[in-house]
PDB file of N, CA and C in Angstrom:
ATOM      1  N   MET A   1     -13.757   9.849  -6.449  1.00  0.00           N
ATOM      2  CA  MET A   1     -12.514  10.608  -6.553  1.00  0.00           C
ATOM      3  C   MET A   1     -11.570   9.862  -7.481  1.00  0.00           C
ATOM      4  N   ASN A   2     -10.868  10.586  -8.309  1.00  0.00           N
ATOM      5  CA  ASN A   2      -9.852  10.003  -9.175  1.00  0.00           C
ATOM      6  C   ASN A   2      -8.472  10.220  -8.573  1.00  0.00           C
ATOM      7  N   CYS A   3      -7.533   9.384  -8.978  1.00  0.00           N
ATOM      8  CA  CYS A   3      -6.158   9.561  -8.522  1.00  0.00           C
ATOM      9  C   CYS A   3      -5.611  10.894  -9.023  1.00  0.00           C
ATOM     10  N   ARG A   4      -4.732  11.485  -8.213  1.00  0.00           N
ATOM     11  CA  ARG A   4      -4.054  12.714  -8.601  1.00  0.00           C
ATOM     12  C   ARG A   4      -2.970  12.332  -9.613  1.00  0.00           C
ATOM     13  N   PRO A   5      -2.968  12.922 -10.800  1.00  0.00           N
ATOM     14  CA  PRO A   5      -1.962  12.550 -11.803  1.00  0.00           C
ATOM     15  C   PRO A   5      -0.542  12.690 -11.260  1.00  0.00           C
ATOM     16  N   GLY A   6       0.262  11.649 -11.458  1.00  0.00           N
ATOM     17  CA  GLY A   6       1.651  11.679 -11.039  1.00  0.00           C
ATOM     18  C   GLY A   6       1.882  11.547  -9.554  1.00  0.00           C
ATOM     19  N   CYS A   7       0.873  11.130  -8.782  1.00  0.00           N
ATOM     20  CA  CYS A   7       1.019  11.021  -7.329  1.00  0.00           C
ATOM     21  C   CYS A   7       1.842   9.779  -6.954  1.00  0.00           C
ATOM     22  N   GLY A   8       1.263   8.602  -7.123  1.00  0.00           N
ATOM     23  CA  GLY A   8       1.964   7.357  -6.819  1.00  0.00           C
ATOM     24  C   GLY A   8       2.183   7.066  -5.350  1.00  0.00           C
ATOM     25  N   ALA A   9       1.594   7.864  -4.451  1.00  0.00           N
ATOM     26  CA  ALA A   9       1.844   7.685  -3.020  1.00  0.00           C
ATOM     27  C   ALA A   9       1.462   6.291  -2.529  1.00  0.00           C
ATOM     28  N   CYS A  10       0.339   5.755  -3.001  1.00  0.00           N
ATOM     29  CA  CYS A  10      -0.080   4.433  -2.524  1.00  0.00           C
ATOM     30  C   CYS A  10       0.876   3.349  -3.008  1.00  0.00           C
ATOM     31  N   CYS A  11       1.593   3.591  -4.094  1.00  0.00           N
ATOM     32  CA  CYS A  11       2.549   2.620  -4.632  1.00  0.00           C
ATOM     33  C   CYS A  11       3.894   2.708  -3.912  1.00  0.00           C
ATOM     34  N   ILE A  12       4.012   3.666  -3.014  1.00  0.00           N
ATOM     35  CA  ILE A  12       5.220   3.838  -2.206  1.00  0.00           C
ATOM     36  C   ILE A  12       4.892   3.614  -0.731  1.00  0.00           C
ATOM     37  N   GLY A  13       3.849   4.273  -0.256  1.00  0.00           N
ATOM     38  CA  GLY A  13       3.558   4.318   1.178  1.00  0.00           C
ATOM     39  C   GLY A  13       2.995   3.060   1.783  1.00  0.00           C
ATOM     40  N   LEU A  14       2.276   2.267   1.008  1.00  0.00           N
ATOM     41  CA  LEU A  14       1.619   1.079   1.568  1.00  0.00           C
ATOM     42  C   LEU A  14       2.446  -0.182   1.374  1.00  0.00           C
ATOM     43  N   SER A  15       2.339  -1.087   2.330  1.00  0.00           N
ATOM     44  CA  SER A  15       2.966  -2.403   2.172  1.00  0.00           C
ATOM     45  C   SER A  15       2.029  -3.269   1.335  1.00  0.00           C
ATOM     46  N   ILE A  16       2.616  -4.187   0.590  1.00  0.00           N
ATOM     47  CA  ILE A  16       1.842  -5.137  -0.209  1.00  0.00           C
ATOM     48  C   ILE A  16       2.415  -6.515   0.086  1.00  0.00           C
ATOM     49  N   SER A  17       1.587  -7.393   0.635  1.00  0.00           N
ATOM     50  CA  SER A  17       2.077  -8.717   1.035  1.00  0.00           C
ATOM     51  C   SER A  17       1.975  -9.748  -0.081  1.00  0.00           C
ATOM     52  N   SER A  18       1.223  -9.458  -1.122  1.00  0.00           N
ATOM     53  CA  SER A  18       1.089 -10.407  -2.226  1.00  0.00           C
ATOM     54  C   SER A  18       2.185 -10.156  -3.264  1.00  0.00           C
ATOM     55  N   PRO A  19       2.495 -11.170  -4.079  1.00  0.00           N
ATOM     56  CA  PRO A  19       3.529 -10.998  -5.096  1.00  0.00           C
ATOM     57  C   PRO A  19       3.168  -9.917  -6.114  1.00  0.00           C
ATOM     58  N   ILE A  20       4.189  -9.236  -6.574  1.00  0.00           N
ATOM     59  CA  ILE A  20       4.096  -8.230  -7.627  1.00  0.00           C
ATOM     60  C   ILE A  20       5.116  -8.670  -8.671  1.00  0.00           C
ATOM     61  N   PRO A  21       4.816  -8.605  -9.961  1.00  0.00           N
ATOM     62  CA  PRO A  21       5.849  -8.937 -10.937  1.00  0.00           C
ATOM     63  C   PRO A  21       7.126  -8.128 -10.679  1.00  0.00           C
ATOM     64  N   GLY A  22       8.220  -8.817 -10.489  1.00  0.00           N
ATOM     65  CA  GLY A  22       9.487  -8.165 -10.160  1.00  0.00           C
ATOM     66  C   GLY A  22       9.736  -8.038  -8.668  1.00  0.00           C
ATOM     67  N   MET A  23       8.713  -8.299  -7.853  1.00  0.00           N
ATOM     68  CA  MET A  23       8.828  -8.256  -6.384  1.00  0.00           C
ATOM     69  C   MET A  23       8.033  -9.446  -5.845  1.00  0.00           C
ATOM     70  N   PRO A  24       8.584 -10.650  -5.970  1.00  0.00           N
ATOM     71  CA  PRO A  24       7.816 -11.857  -5.633  1.00  0.00           C
ATOM     72  C   PRO A  24       7.366 -11.953  -4.182  1.00  0.00           C
ATOM     73  N   ASN A  25       7.998 -11.208  -3.282  1.00  0.00           N
ATOM     74  CA  ASN A  25       7.606 -11.221  -1.868  1.00  0.00           C
ATOM     75  C   ASN A  25       6.800  -9.992  -1.493  1.00  0.00           C
ATOM     76  N   GLY A  26       6.282  -9.277  -2.492  1.00  0.00           N
ATOM     77  CA  GLY A  26       5.568  -8.040  -2.207  1.00  0.00           C
ATOM     78  C   GLY A  26       6.547  -6.934  -1.888  1.00  0.00           C
ATOM     79  N   LYS A  27       6.096  -5.935  -1.131  1.00  0.00           N
ATOM     80  CA  LYS A  27       6.981  -4.825  -0.779  1.00  0.00           C
ATOM     81  C   LYS A  27       6.604  -4.250   0.583  1.00  0.00           C
ATOM     82  N   PRO A  28       7.597  -3.785   1.318  1.00  0.00           N
ATOM     83  CA  PRO A  28       7.287  -3.131   2.590  1.00  0.00           C
ATOM     84  C   PRO A  28       6.810  -1.696   2.370  1.00  0.00           C
ATOM     85  N   ALA A  29       6.164  -1.151   3.366  1.00  0.00           N
ATOM     86  CA  ALA A  29       5.743   0.246   3.321  1.00  0.00           C
ATOM     87  C   ALA A  29       6.966   1.138   3.170  1.00  0.00           C
ATOM     88  N   GLY A  30       6.815   2.185   2.385  1.00  0.00           N
ATOM     89  CA  GLY A  30       7.909   3.137   2.200  1.00  0.00           C
ATOM     90  C   GLY A  30       8.862   2.782   1.083  1.00  0.00           C
ATOM     91  N   VAL A  31       8.667   1.635   0.460  1.00  0.00           N
ATOM     92  CA  VAL A  31       9.510   1.202  -0.653  1.00  0.00           C
ATOM     93  C   VAL A  31       8.735   1.399  -1.948  1.00  0.00           C
ATOM     94  N   ARG A  32       9.362   2.022  -2.891  1.00  0.00           N
ATOM     95  CA  ARG A  32       8.736   2.280  -4.187  1.00  0.00           C
ATOM     96  C   ARG A  32       8.497   0.965  -4.922  1.00  0.00           C
ATOM     97  N   CYS A  33       7.282   0.767  -5.420  1.00  0.00           N
ATOM     98  CA  CYS A  33       6.963  -0.432  -6.193  1.00  0.00           C
ATOM     99  C   CYS A  33       7.783  -0.420  -7.479  1.00  0.00           C
ATOM    100  N   ILE A  34       8.328  -1.561  -7.825  1.00  0.00           N
ATOM    101  CA  ILE A  34       9.136  -1.679  -9.039  1.00  0.00           C
ATOM    102  C   ILE A  34       8.315  -1.395 -10.296  1.00  0.00           C
ATOM    103  N   GLN A  35       7.000  -1.520 -10.197  1.00  0.00           N
ATOM    104  CA  GLN A  35       6.117  -1.290 -11.349  1.00  0.00           C
ATOM    105  C   GLN A  35       5.683   0.175 -11.490  1.00  0.00           C
ATOM    106  N   LEU A  36       6.182   1.051 -10.626  1.00  0.00           N
ATOM    107  CA  LEU A  36       5.851   2.473 -10.694  1.00  0.00           C
ATOM    108  C   LEU A  36       6.841   3.152 -11.634  1.00  0.00           C
ATOM    109  N   THR A  37       6.318   3.823 -12.659  1.00  0.00           N
ATOM    110  CA  THR A  37       7.186   4.473 -13.643  1.00  0.00           C
ATOM    111  C   THR A  37       7.822   5.740 -13.059  1.00  0.00           C
ATOM    112  N   ASP A  38       8.777   6.300 -13.790  1.00  0.00           N
ATOM    113  CA  ASP A  38       9.435   7.533 -13.342  1.00  0.00           C
ATOM    114  C   ASP A  38       8.456   8.689 -13.179  1.00  0.00           C
ATOM    115  N   ASP A  39       7.353   8.659 -13.950  1.00  0.00           N
ATOM    116  CA  ASP A  39       6.341   9.712 -13.802  1.00  0.00           C
ATOM    117  C   ASP A  39       5.184   9.266 -12.897  1.00  0.00           C
ATOM    118  N   ASN A  40       5.460   8.260 -12.061  1.00  0.00           N
ATOM    119  CA  ASN A  40       4.536   7.782 -11.022  1.00  0.00           C
ATOM    120  C   ASN A  40       3.223   7.235 -11.566  1.00  0.00           C
ATOM    121  N   LEU A  41       3.303   6.448 -12.611  1.00  0.00           N
ATOM    122  CA  LEU A  41       2.146   5.729 -13.145  1.00  0.00           C
ATOM    123  C   LEU A  41       2.416   4.237 -13.003  1.00  0.00           C
ATOM    124  N   CYS A  42       1.353   3.458 -12.831  1.00  0.00           N
ATOM    125  CA  CYS A  42       1.482   2.019 -12.660  1.00  0.00           C
ATOM    126  C   CYS A  42       1.617   1.333 -14.018  1.00  0.00           C
ATOM    127  N   ARG A  43       2.700   0.583 -14.193  1.00  0.00           N
ATOM    128  CA  ARG A  43       2.891  -0.181 -15.433  1.00  0.00           C
ATOM    129  C   ARG A  43       1.859  -1.291 -15.578  1.00  0.00           C
ATOM    130  N   LEU A  44       1.279  -1.727 -14.462  1.00  0.00           N
ATOM    131  CA  LEU A  44       0.343  -2.859 -14.474  1.00  0.00           C
ATOM    132  C   LEU A  44      -1.118  -2.427 -14.485  1.00  0.00           C
ATOM    133  N   TYR A  45      -1.377  -1.138 -14.502  1.00  0.00           N
ATOM    134  CA  TYR A  45      -2.763  -0.669 -14.431  1.00  0.00           C
ATOM    135  C   TYR A  45      -3.579  -1.311 -15.556  1.00  0.00           C
ATOM    136  N   GLY A  46      -4.664  -1.987 -15.181  1.00  0.00           N
ATOM    137  CA  GLY A  46      -5.533  -2.650 -16.150  1.00  0.00           C
ATOM    138  C   GLY A  46      -5.059  -4.021 -16.592  1.00  0.00           C
ATOM    139  N   ALA A  47      -3.882  -4.441 -16.150  1.00  0.00           N
ATOM    140  CA  ALA A  47      -3.331  -5.744 -16.539  1.00  0.00           C
ATOM    141  C   ALA A  47      -3.743  -6.815 -15.527  1.00  0.00           C
ATOM    142  N   PRO A  48      -3.904  -8.057 -15.968  1.00  0.00           N
ATOM    143  CA  PRO A  48      -4.298  -9.127 -15.039  1.00  0.00           C
ATOM    144  C   PRO A  48      -3.241  -9.417 -13.968  1.00  0.00           C
ATOM    145  N   GLU A  49      -1.998  -9.036 -14.197  1.00  0.00           N
ATOM    146  CA  GLU A  49      -0.925  -9.275 -13.212  1.00  0.00           C
ATOM    147  C   GLU A  49      -0.956  -8.295 -12.050  1.00  0.00           C
ATOM    148  N   ARG A  50      -1.751  -7.253 -12.173  1.00  0.00           N
ATOM    149  CA  ARG A  50      -1.819  -6.251 -11.095  1.00  0.00           C
ATOM    150  C   ARG A  50      -2.390  -6.906  -9.842  1.00  0.00           C
ATOM    151  N   PRO A  51      -1.710  -6.745  -8.683  1.00  0.00           N
ATOM    152  CA  PRO A  51      -2.193  -7.370  -7.449  1.00  0.00           C
ATOM    153  C   PRO A  51      -3.630  -6.946  -7.101  1.00  0.00           C
ATOM    154  N   ALA A  52      -4.393  -7.897  -6.592  1.00  0.00           N
ATOM    155  CA  ALA A  52      -5.799  -7.636  -6.247  1.00  0.00           C
ATOM    156  C   ALA A  52      -5.931  -6.492  -5.248  1.00  0.00           C
ATOM    157  N   VAL A  53      -4.996  -6.388  -4.313  1.00  0.00           N
ATOM    158  CA  VAL A  53      -5.066  -5.306  -3.318  1.00  0.00           C
ATOM    159  C   VAL A  53      -4.980  -3.950  -4.010  1.00  0.00           C
ATOM    160  N   CYS A  54      -4.213  -3.858  -5.066  1.00  0.00           N
ATOM    161  CA  CYS A  54      -4.093  -2.602  -5.819  1.00  0.00           C
ATOM    162  C   CYS A  54      -5.375  -2.319  -6.598  1.00  0.00           C
ATOM    163  N   VAL A  55      -5.942  -3.357  -7.178  1.00  0.00           N
ATOM    164  CA  VAL A  55      -7.183  -3.207  -7.941  1.00  0.00           C
ATOM    165  C   VAL A  55      -8.303  -2.708  -7.024  1.00  0.00           C
ATOM    166  N   ARG A  56      -8.363  -3.233  -5.786  1.00  0.00           N
ATOM    167  CA  ARG A  56      -9.441  -2.885  -4.855  1.00  0.00           C
ATOM    168  C   ARG A  56      -9.263  -1.523  -4.176  1.00  0.00           C
ATOM    169  N   LEU A  57      -8.046  -1.022  -4.126  1.00  0.00           N
ATOM    170  CA  LEU A  57      -7.797   0.248  -3.447  1.00  0.00           C
ATOM    171  C   LEU A  57      -8.471   1.388  -4.206  1.00  0.00           C
ATOM    172  N   ARG A  58      -9.225   2.183  -3.497  1.00  0.00           N
ATOM    173  CA  ARG A  58      -9.934   3.317  -4.098  1.00  0.00           C
ATOM    174  C   ARG A  58      -9.471   4.611  -3.430  1.00  0.00           C
ATOM    175  N   PRO A  59      -9.066   5.590  -4.229  1.00  0.00           N
ATOM    176  CA  PRO A  59      -8.641   6.857  -3.636  1.00  0.00           C
ATOM    177  C   PRO A  59      -9.807   7.549  -2.940  1.00  0.00           C
ATOM    178  N   ASN A  60      -9.491   8.245  -1.851  1.00  0.00           N
ATOM    179  CA  ASN A  60     -10.494   9.068  -1.179  1.00  0.00           C
ATOM    180  C   ASN A  60      -9.786  10.267  -0.567  1.00  0.00           C
ATOM    181  N   ALA A  61     -10.525  11.304  -0.274  1.00  0.00           N
ATOM    182  CA  ALA A  61      -9.947  12.567   0.185  1.00  0.00           C
ATOM    183  C   ALA A  61      -9.111  12.399   1.451  1.00  0.00           C
ATOM    184  N   GLU A  62      -9.572  11.572   2.390  1.00  0.00           N
ATOM    185  CA  GLU A  62      -8.822  11.383   3.638  1.00  0.00           C
ATOM    186  C   GLU A  62      -7.468  10.735   3.366  1.00  0.00           C
ATOM    187  N   MET A  63      -7.443   9.699   2.547  1.00  0.00           N
ATOM    188  CA  MET A  63      -6.202   8.977   2.264  1.00  0.00           C
ATOM    189  C   MET A  63      -5.256   9.819   1.404  1.00  0.00           C
ATOM    190  N   CYS A  64      -5.787  10.492   0.411  1.00  0.00           N
ATOM    191  CA  CYS A  64      -4.950  11.179  -0.568  1.00  0.00           C
ATOM    192  C   CYS A  64      -4.496  12.565  -0.128  1.00  0.00           C
ATOM    193  N   GLY A  65      -5.259  13.196   0.754  1.00  0.00           N
ATOM    194  CA  GLY A  65      -4.899  14.540   1.180  1.00  0.00           C
ATOM    195  C   GLY A  65      -4.865  15.495  -0.004  1.00  0.00           C
ATOM    196  N   LYS A  66      -4.155  16.593   0.176  1.00  0.00           N
ATOM    197  CA  LYS A  66      -4.046  17.592  -0.895  1.00  0.00           C
ATOM    198  C   LYS A  66      -2.719  17.514  -1.626  1.00  0.00           C
ATOM    199  N   THR A  67      -1.763  16.779  -1.043  1.00  0.00           N
ATOM    200  CA  THR A  67      -0.433  16.664  -1.651  1.00  0.00           C
ATOM    201  C   THR A  67       0.066  15.228  -1.505  1.00  0.00           C
ATOM    202  N   VAL A  68       1.095  14.905  -2.240  1.00  0.00           N
ATOM    203  CA  VAL A  68       1.727  13.589  -2.108  1.00  0.00           C
ATOM    204  C   VAL A  68       2.250  13.416  -0.680  1.00  0.00           C
ATOM    205  N   GLU A  69       2.812  14.481  -0.119  1.00  0.00           N
ATOM    206  CA  GLU A  69       3.354  14.417   1.242  1.00  0.00           C
ATOM    207  C   GLU A  69       2.264  14.096   2.260  1.00  0.00           C
ATOM    208  N   GLU A  70       1.085  14.705   2.115  1.00  0.00           N
ATOM    209  CA  GLU A  70      -0.035  14.405   3.016  1.00  0.00           C
ATOM    210  C   GLU A  70      -0.476  12.955   2.850  1.00  0.00           C
ATOM    211  N   ALA A  71      -0.519  12.480   1.621  1.00  0.00           N
ATOM    212  CA  ALA A  71      -0.917  11.091   1.371  1.00  0.00           C
ATOM    213  C   ALA A  71       0.077  10.126   2.001  1.00  0.00           C
ATOM    214  N   LEU A  72       1.356  10.379   1.841  1.00  0.00           N
ATOM    215  CA  LEU A  72       2.378   9.495   2.424  1.00  0.00           C
ATOM    216  C   LEU A  72       2.309   9.512   3.947  1.00  0.00           C
ATOM    217  N   ALA A  73       2.062  10.666   4.550  1.00  0.00           N
ATOM    218  CA  ALA A  73       1.934  10.756   6.012  1.00  0.00           C
ATOM    219  C   ALA A  73       0.734   9.949   6.496  1.00  0.00           C
ATOM    220  N   TYR A  74      -0.393  10.026   5.787  1.00  0.00           N
ATOM    221  CA  TYR A  74      -1.579   9.263   6.154  1.00  0.00           C
ATOM    222  C   TYR A  74      -1.289   7.763   6.065  1.00  0.00           C
ATOM    223  N   MET A  75      -0.629   7.355   5.000  1.00  0.00           N
ATOM    224  CA  MET A  75      -0.342   5.931   4.808  1.00  0.00           C
ATOM    225  C   MET A  75       0.652   5.406   5.843  1.00  0.00           C
ATOM    226  N   GLU A  76       1.598   6.234   6.234  1.00  0.00           N
ATOM    227  CA  GLU A  76       2.531   5.846   7.297  1.00  0.00           C
ATOM    228  C   GLU A  76       1.776   5.612   8.605  1.00  0.00           C
ATOM    229  N   LYS A  77       0.848   6.497   8.905  1.00  0.00           N
ATOM    230  CA  LYS A  77       0.017   6.345  10.113  1.00  0.00           C
ATOM    231  C   LYS A  77      -0.834   5.082  10.020  1.00  0.00           C
ATOM    232  N   LEU A  78      -1.454   4.855   8.866  1.00  0.00           N
ATOM    233  CA  LEU A  78      -2.279   3.660   8.659  1.00  0.00           C
ATOM    234  C   LEU A  78      -1.448   2.384   8.829  1.00  0.00           C
ATOM    235  N   GLU A  79      -0.271   2.368   8.256  1.00  0.00           N
ATOM    236  CA  GLU A  79       0.609   1.205   8.395  1.00  0.00           C
ATOM    237  C   GLU A  79       0.965   0.965   9.862  1.00  0.00           C
ATOM    238  N   ALA A  80       1.278   2.023  10.588  1.00  0.00           N
ATOM    239  CA  ALA A  80       1.630   1.878  12.009  1.00  0.00           C
ATOM    240  C   ALA A  80       0.455   1.344  12.817  1.00  0.00           C
ATOM    241  N   GLU A  81      -0.743   1.811  12.500  1.00  0.00           N
ATOM    242  CA  GLU A  81      -1.933   1.382  13.248  1.00  0.00           C
ATOM    243  C   GLU A  81      -2.354  -0.048  12.928  1.00  0.00           C
ATOM    244  N   THR A  82      -1.971  -0.556  11.787  1.00  0.00           N
ATOM    245  CA  THR A  82      -2.397  -1.903  11.389  1.00  0.00           C
ATOM    246  C   THR A  82      -1.263  -2.921  11.405  1.00  0.00           C
ATOM    247  N   ARG A  83      -0.078  -2.513  11.822  1.00  0.00           N
ATOM    248  CA  ARG A  83       1.077  -3.417  11.875  1.00  0.00           C
ATOM    249  C   ARG A  83       0.849  -4.465  12.957  1.00  0.00           C
ATOM    250  N   PRO A  84       1.017  -5.746  12.618  1.00  0.00           N
ATOM    251  CA  PRO A  84       0.872  -6.782  13.645  1.00  0.00           C
ATOM    252  C   PRO A  84       1.937  -6.597  14.723  1.00  0.00           C
ATOM    253  N   GLY A  85       1.537  -6.832  15.925  1.00  0.00           N
ATOM    254  CA  GLY A  85       2.471  -6.700  17.034  1.00  0.00           C
ATOM    255  C   GLY A  85       2.365  -7.899  17.947  1.00  0.00           C
ATOM    256  N   PRO A  86       3.183  -7.908  18.974  1.00  0.00           N
ATOM    257  CA  PRO A  86       3.123  -9.021  19.928  1.00  0.00           C
ATOM    258  C   PRO A  86       1.801  -9.008  20.689  1.00  0.00           C
ATOM    259  N   VAL A  87       1.352 -10.173  21.076  1.00  0.00           N
ATOM    260  CA  VAL A  87       0.139 -10.300  21.872  1.00  0.00           C
ATOM    261  C   VAL A  87       0.489  -9.880  23.298  1.00  0.00           C
ATOM    262  N   PRO A  88      -0.266  -8.936  23.892  1.00  0.00           N
ATOM    263  CA  PRO A  88       0.026  -8.522  25.270  1.00  0.00           C
ATOM    264  C   PRO A  88      -0.039  -9.721  26.217  1.00  0.00           C
ATOM    265  N   SER A  89       0.821  -9.728  27.229  1.00  0.00           N
ATOM    266  CA  SER A  89       0.833 -10.845  28.170  1.00  0.00           C
ATOM    267  C   SER A  89      -0.531 -10.956  28.858  1.00  0.00           C
ATOM    268  N   GLY A  90      -0.967 -12.176  29.048  1.00  0.00           N
ATOM    269  CA  GLY A  90      -2.269 -12.431  29.662  1.00  0.00           C
ATOM    270  C   GLY A  90      -3.389 -12.490  28.657  1.00  0.00           C
ATOM    271  N   GLU A  91      -3.137 -12.096  27.421  1.00  0.00           N
ATOM    272  CA  GLU A  91      -4.161 -12.153  26.355  1.00  0.00           C
ATOM    273  C   GLU A  91      -4.031 -13.502  25.648  1.00  0.00           C
ATOM    274  N   PRO A  92      -5.141 -14.170  25.355  1.00  0.00           N
ATOM    275  CA  PRO A  92      -5.051 -15.418  24.614  1.00  0.00           C
ATOM    276  C   PRO A  92      -4.672 -15.155  23.160  1.00  0.00           C
ATOM    277  N   GLU A  93      -3.846 -16.023  22.611  1.00  0.00           N
ATOM    278  CA  GLU A  93      -3.494 -15.916  21.200  1.00  0.00           C
ATOM    279  C   GLU A  93      -4.566 -16.613  20.398  1.00  0.00           C
ATOM    280  N   ASN A  94      -4.900 -16.048  19.253  1.00  0.00           N
ATOM    281  CA  ASN A  94      -5.878 -16.667  18.367  1.00  0.00           C
ATOM    282  C   ASN A  94      -5.157 -17.655  17.467  1.00  0.00           C
ATOM    283  N   ARG A  95      -5.160 -18.899  17.873  1.00  0.00           N
ATOM    284  CA  ARG A  95      -4.520 -19.932  17.080  1.00  0.00           C
ATOM    285  C   ARG A  95      -5.541 -20.974  16.709  1.00  0.00           C
ATOM    286  N   PRO A  96      -5.484 -21.451  15.461  1.00  0.00           N
ATOM    287  CA  PRO A  96      -6.414 -22.517  15.075  1.00  0.00           C
ATOM    288  C   PRO A  96      -6.141 -23.770  15.898  1.00  0.00           C
ATOM    289  N   SER A  97      -7.203 -24.486  16.250  1.00  0.00           N
ATOM    290  CA  SER A  97      -6.995 -25.697  17.050  1.00  0.00           C
ATOM    291  C   SER A  97      -6.928 -26.920  16.165  1.00  0.00           C
TER     292      SER A  97
END
């Protein structure tokens, strides 16, 4: 599957924890990447500065949906499901020894 022209949903909907040129601390979910142009194209596409997480991300029908709105809703759900949370009481924490 190819990206939908002018979509840019993954550059808005997903959090990125690695540095991005112009966003040294990455970006939270729901925040437009500074490298996304007004017509929703990546300024870093194909450039070595593009974050590895962006390079590895591959569009698929489930993630992209049929509209930008569907894609953003899916990514919001994905972010909520993968957000680190507190360890439930009585559960051991995974800490290096």
